[in-house]
């Protein structure tokens, strides 16, 4: 159990698969609504929140669905999937009374704002949630890298990575019941042991900018709020292990 985390501005990275809930694909309404309610709790404390959402529930650039397809085209399709997810989460948040803006790295003015760093910061200062869509706007970069990049650009205190398990383990806990969960890790150990928390580019970017990464299970009740209050189970990755 990690003590209360003193983070005032955070970026929440949610995988597209995490939005599927118990379904096999697409968006699970209950899971999206639960996420929105959790973020509303965090905003109510005065903290500032931005998000990056993956697109794996709709389309993955490197998947069987993209077999034989040009990688660049497949990645752009994946970016479009993140926009769909971003708009869905925006709708859920605004339905919960949380003002939200979607900013896309690929211009689509009829749908959402284009990414402008200063505007995004201003939105958060006014208590709005900002969802960054379309990754970095470039193929060959994952949404993990986009999350680390946006977190650094927004001067976030931490990157919160919402996953399907309650932290980082030394092996897959779904396959190995004896897997050990880490409470704290260094960036160097994550890379050296190939723990695959996020892709190496994202980990390196976080390490270079001394941006802590907090890994937790998004499906627990009030998951984000509990982690920030030090009541949830998670793994903290930082420059030093303690």
Protein backbone atom coordinates (compact mmCIF):
# COMPACT_ATOMS: atom_id res chain seq x y z
CA UNK A 1 0.00 0.00 0.00
CA UNK A 2 1.47 3.35 -1.07
CA UNK A 3 0.85 6.38 1.13
CA UNK A 4 -1.28 9.26 -0.20
CA UNK A 5 0.22 10.64 -3.38
CA UNK A 6 0.70 14.42 -3.51
CA UNK A 7 -0.28 14.85 -7.13
CA UNK A 8 -2.34 17.88 -8.14
CA UNK A 9 -2.26 17.57 -11.93
CA UNK A 10 -2.29 14.08 -13.43
CA UNK A 11 -2.61 12.40 -16.78
CA UNK A 12 -4.69 9.24 -16.78
CA UNK A 13 -3.81 6.66 -19.46
CA UNK A 14 -6.65 4.23 -20.16
CA UNK A 15 -6.30 1.38 -22.63
CA UNK A 16 -8.99 0.84 -25.21
CA UNK A 17 -9.29 -2.74 -23.99
CA UNK A 18 -10.08 -1.39 -20.53
CA UNK A 19 -13.24 0.23 -21.89
CA UNK A 20 -14.56 -3.11 -23.16
CA UNK A 21 -15.46 -4.24 -19.65
CA UNK A 22 -16.79 -7.80 -19.87
CA UNK A 23 -17.46 -7.49 -23.60
CA UNK A 24 -15.22 -8.83 -26.36
CA UNK A 25 -14.98 -5.57 -28.31
CA UNK A 26 -16.37 -2.04 -28.47
CA UNK A 27 -17.41 0.13 -25.53
CA UNK A 28 -19.09 -1.19 -22.39
CA UNK A 29 -21.45 1.53 -21.19
CA UNK A 30 -21.20 0.59 -17.51
CA UNK A 31 -17.39 0.69 -17.58
CA UNK A 32 -17.34 4.09 -19.29
CA UNK A 33 -19.89 5.49 -16.81
CA UNK A 34 -17.88 4.13 -13.88
CA UNK A 35 -14.73 5.78 -15.20
CA UNK A 36 -16.56 9.10 -15.57
CA UNK A 37 -17.87 8.92 -11.99
CA UNK A 38 -14.37 8.21 -10.70
CA UNK A 39 -12.87 11.16 -12.57
CA UNK A 40 -15.69 13.40 -11.27
CA UNK A 41 -14.61 12.53 -7.71
CA UNK A 42 -11.02 13.49 -8.49
CA UNK A 43 -12.02 16.81 -10.08
CA UNK A 44 -14.18 17.61 -7.03
CA UNK A 45 -11.02 17.60 -4.86
CA UNK A 46 -9.53 20.43 -6.93
CA UNK A 47 -7.09 18.21 -8.81
CA UNK A 48 -6.58 18.71 -12.54
CA UNK A 49 -7.00 15.76 -14.89
CA UNK A 50 -6.22 15.00 -18.52
CA UNK A 51 -6.50 11.67 -20.33
CA UNK A 52 -5.06 9.65 -23.16
CA UNK A 53 -7.22 6.71 -24.28
CA UNK A 54 -6.07 3.84 -26.47
CA UNK A 55 -8.03 2.38 -29.36
CA UNK A 56 -7.43 -1.34 -28.98
CA UNK A 57 -11.09 -2.10 -28.31
CA UNK A 58 -11.90 -0.93 -31.84
CA UNK A 59 -8.76 -1.40 -33.87
CA UNK A 60 -5.10 -2.12 -33.16
CA UNK A 61 -2.43 -1.02 -35.63
CA UNK A 62 -0.45 -4.21 -35.04
CA UNK A 63 -3.06 -6.96 -34.88
CA UNK A 64 -4.59 -9.75 -36.89
CA UNK A 65 -7.12 -7.22 -38.17
CA UNK A 66 -4.25 -5.33 -39.79
CA UNK A 67 -2.52 -8.41 -41.22
CA UNK A 68 -1.15 -7.62 -44.65
CA UNK A 69 -2.04 -3.96 -44.36
CA UNK A 70 0.45 -1.14 -44.70
CA UNK A 71 1.61 -0.31 -41.16
CA UNK A 72 1.20 3.43 -41.62
CA UNK A 73 -2.41 3.08 -42.78
CA UNK A 74 -3.15 0.66 -39.93
CA UNK A 75 -1.73 3.07 -37.37
CA UNK A 76 -3.82 5.95 -38.71
CA UNK A 77 -6.89 3.74 -38.38
CA UNK A 78 -5.86 3.10 -34.78
CA UNK A 79 -5.62 6.84 -34.19
CA UNK A 80 -9.16 7.28 -35.47
CA UNK A 81 -10.28 4.63 -32.99
CA UNK A 82 -8.86 6.69 -30.12
CA UNK A 83 -10.96 9.64 -31.26
CA UNK A 84 -14.12 7.51 -31.08
CA UNK A 85 -13.21 6.45 -27.54
CA UNK A 86 -12.37 10.01 -26.53
CA UNK A 87 -15.75 11.29 -27.70
CA UNK A 88 -17.52 8.48 -25.82
CA UNK A 89 -15.72 9.27 -22.57
CA UNK A 90 -16.34 13.01 -23.11
CA UNK A 91 -20.07 12.32 -23.41
CA UNK A 92 -20.04 10.25 -20.21
CA UNK A 93 -18.10 12.91 -18.30
CA UNK A 94 -20.36 15.74 -19.41
CA UNK A 95 -23.35 13.58 -18.52
CA UNK A 96 -21.84 13.35 -15.05
CA UNK A 97 -21.53 17.14 -14.89
CA UNK A 98 -17.82 17.40 -15.68
CA UNK A 99 -16.91 19.95 -18.40
CA UNK A 100 -14.65 18.20 -20.89
CA UNK A 101 -12.72 19.02 -24.04
CA UNK A 102 -11.29 16.62 -26.62
CA UNK A 103 -8.14 17.72 -28.42
CA UNK A 104 -6.90 15.73 -31.38
CA UNK A 105 -3.35 15.53 -32.72
CA UNK A 106 -4.96 15.21 -36.17
CA UNK A 107 -7.08 18.21 -37.13
CA UNK A 108 -10.82 17.49 -37.36
CA UNK A 109 -12.49 20.78 -36.40
CA UNK A 110 -16.04 19.55 -36.97
CA UNK A 111 -15.50 16.94 -34.25
CA UNK A 112 -13.14 18.38 -31.63
CA UNK A 113 -10.40 20.90 -30.95
CA UNK A 114 -6.94 20.53 -32.43
CA UNK A 115 -4.17 19.97 -29.90
CA UNK A 116 -2.80 23.28 -28.63
CA UNK A 117 -0.70 23.00 -25.50
CA UNK A 118 -1.51 26.38 -23.96
CA UNK A 119 -5.22 25.95 -24.57
CA UNK A 120 -5.15 22.51 -22.94
CA UNK A 121 -3.39 23.89 -19.86
CA UNK A 122 -5.93 26.69 -19.64
CA UNK A 123 -8.82 24.23 -19.84
CA UNK A 124 -7.41 22.29 -16.89
CA UNK A 125 -6.81 25.45 -14.89
CA UNK A 126 -10.53 26.18 -15.33
CA UNK A 127 -11.46 22.76 -13.97
CA UNK A 128 -12.13 21.08 -17.30
CA UNK A 129 -10.96 17.59 -18.15
CA UNK A 130 -8.95 17.39 -21.38
CA UNK A 131 -8.85 14.18 -23.42
CA UNK A 132 -5.98 13.93 -25.89
CA UNK A 133 -6.92 11.87 -28.95
CA UNK A 134 -5.16 10.52 -32.06
CA UNK A 135 -1.94 9.68 -30.23
CA UNK A 136 0.97 11.86 -31.27
CA UNK A 137 -0.56 12.28 -34.72
CA UNK A 138 2.21 10.14 -36.22
CA UNK A 139 2.37 6.45 -37.11
CA UNK A 140 4.82 4.12 -35.34
CA UNK A 141 4.19 5.76 -31.95
CA UNK A 142 1.94 4.11 -29.38
CA UNK A 143 -0.62 5.77 -27.14
CA UNK A 144 1.75 4.95 -24.24
CA UNK A 145 4.32 7.25 -25.80
CA UNK A 146 1.59 9.84 -26.48
CA UNK A 147 0.58 9.66 -22.80
CA UNK A 148 4.13 10.23 -21.57
CA UNK A 149 4.61 13.06 -24.07
CA UNK A 150 1.38 14.86 -23.15
CA UNK A 151 2.02 14.39 -19.42
CA UNK A 152 5.41 16.07 -19.78
CA UNK A 153 4.00 18.86 -21.98
CA UNK A 154 1.21 19.52 -19.45
CA UNK A 155 3.72 19.60 -16.55
CA UNK A 156 1.78 16.82 -14.84
CA UNK A 157 2.91 15.58 -11.45
CA UNK A 158 2.36 11.95 -12.48
CA UNK A 159 1.13 9.62 -15.18
CA UNK A 160 -1.53 7.22 -13.90
CA UNK A 161 -1.72 4.05 -15.99
CA UNK A 162 -5.05 2.26 -15.59
CA UNK A 163 -4.68 -1.44 -16.38
CA UNK A 164 -6.40 -4.80 -15.89
CA UNK A 165 -4.27 -5.71 -12.84
CA UNK A 166 -3.38 -3.93 -9.59
CA UNK A 167 0.21 -3.05 -10.37
CA UNK A 168 3.39 -4.39 -11.92
CA UNK A 169 4.37 -8.03 -11.35
CA UNK A 170 7.56 -9.97 -11.97
CA UNK A 171 5.55 -12.26 -14.25
CA UNK A 172 2.01 -12.44 -15.62
CA UNK A 173 -0.26 -12.85 -12.55
CA UNK A 174 -3.00 -14.31 -14.76
CA UNK A 175 -0.70 -17.17 -15.75
CA UNK A 176 1.45 -17.45 -12.62
CA UNK A 177 -0.36 -17.44 -9.28
CA UNK A 178 2.99 -17.07 -7.51
CA UNK A 179 3.80 -13.80 -9.32
CA UNK A 180 5.07 -11.07 -7.01
CA UNK A 181 3.72 -7.53 -7.19
CA UNK A 182 6.14 -4.64 -6.87
CA UNK A 183 5.12 -1.70 -4.72
CA UNK A 184 7.87 0.54 -6.05
CA UNK A 185 10.20 0.27 -9.04
CA UNK A 186 12.83 2.37 -10.76
CA UNK A 187 12.66 3.23 -14.45
CA UNK A 188 15.99 1.46 -14.96
CA UNK A 189 14.69 -1.81 -13.50
CA UNK A 190 11.56 -1.68 -15.65
CA UNK A 191 13.73 -1.38 -18.77
CA UNK A 192 16.46 -3.82 -17.65
CA UNK A 193 13.98 -6.54 -16.65
CA UNK A 194 11.73 -5.89 -19.67
CA UNK A 195 8.67 -5.65 -17.44
CA UNK A 196 6.58 -4.21 -20.29
CA UNK A 197 4.60 -1.74 -18.22
CA UNK A 198 4.66 0.67 -21.14
CA UNK A 199 6.77 0.74 -24.28
CA UNK A 200 10.43 1.62 -23.84
CA UNK A 201 10.10 5.04 -25.49
CA UNK A 202 7.43 6.04 -22.95
CA UNK A 203 9.48 4.79 -20.00
CA UNK A 204 12.59 6.59 -21.27
CA UNK A 205 10.67 9.84 -21.74
CA UNK A 206 9.24 9.60 -18.21
CA UNK A 207 12.68 8.83 -16.76
CA UNK A 208 14.31 11.75 -18.58
CA UNK A 209 11.68 14.14 -17.19
CA UNK A 210 11.41 12.53 -13.73
CA UNK A 211 7.72 11.82 -14.26
CA UNK A 212 6.39 9.15 -11.85
CA UNK A 213 4.18 6.43 -13.32
CA UNK A 214 1.49 4.85 -11.13
CA UNK A 215 0.07 1.52 -12.32
CA UNK A 216 -3.26 0.33 -10.89
CA UNK A 217 -6.41 -1.67 -11.65
CA UNK A 218 -9.02 0.56 -13.28
CA UNK A 219 -11.86 -1.85 -12.51
CA UNK A 220 -11.74 -1.44 -8.73
CA UNK A 221 -14.37 0.83 -7.18
CA UNK A 222 -13.28 4.49 -7.13
CA UNK A 223 -9.93 3.30 -8.45
CA UNK A 224 -8.31 6.65 -9.36
CA UNK A 225 -9.45 8.43 -6.22
CA UNK A 226 -8.35 5.56 -3.97
CA UNK A 227 -4.89 5.49 -5.49
CA UNK A 228 -4.44 9.24 -5.08
CA UNK A 229 -5.54 8.98 -1.44
CA UNK A 230 -3.15 6.12 -0.77
CA UNK A 231 -5.96 3.63 -0.18
CA UNK A 232 -5.65 1.62 -3.39
CA UNK A 233 -3.17 -1.05 -4.42
CA UNK A 234 -0.71 0.09 -7.07
CA UNK A 235 2.91 0.18 -8.20
CA UNK A 236 4.82 3.46 -8.33
CA UNK A 237 7.64 3.75 -10.87
CA UNK A 238 10.04 6.60 -10.21
CA UNK A 239 13.67 7.63 -10.44
CA UNK A 240 14.33 6.00 -7.06
CA UNK A 241 12.57 2.93 -5.68
CA UNK A 242 11.94 4.55 -2.27
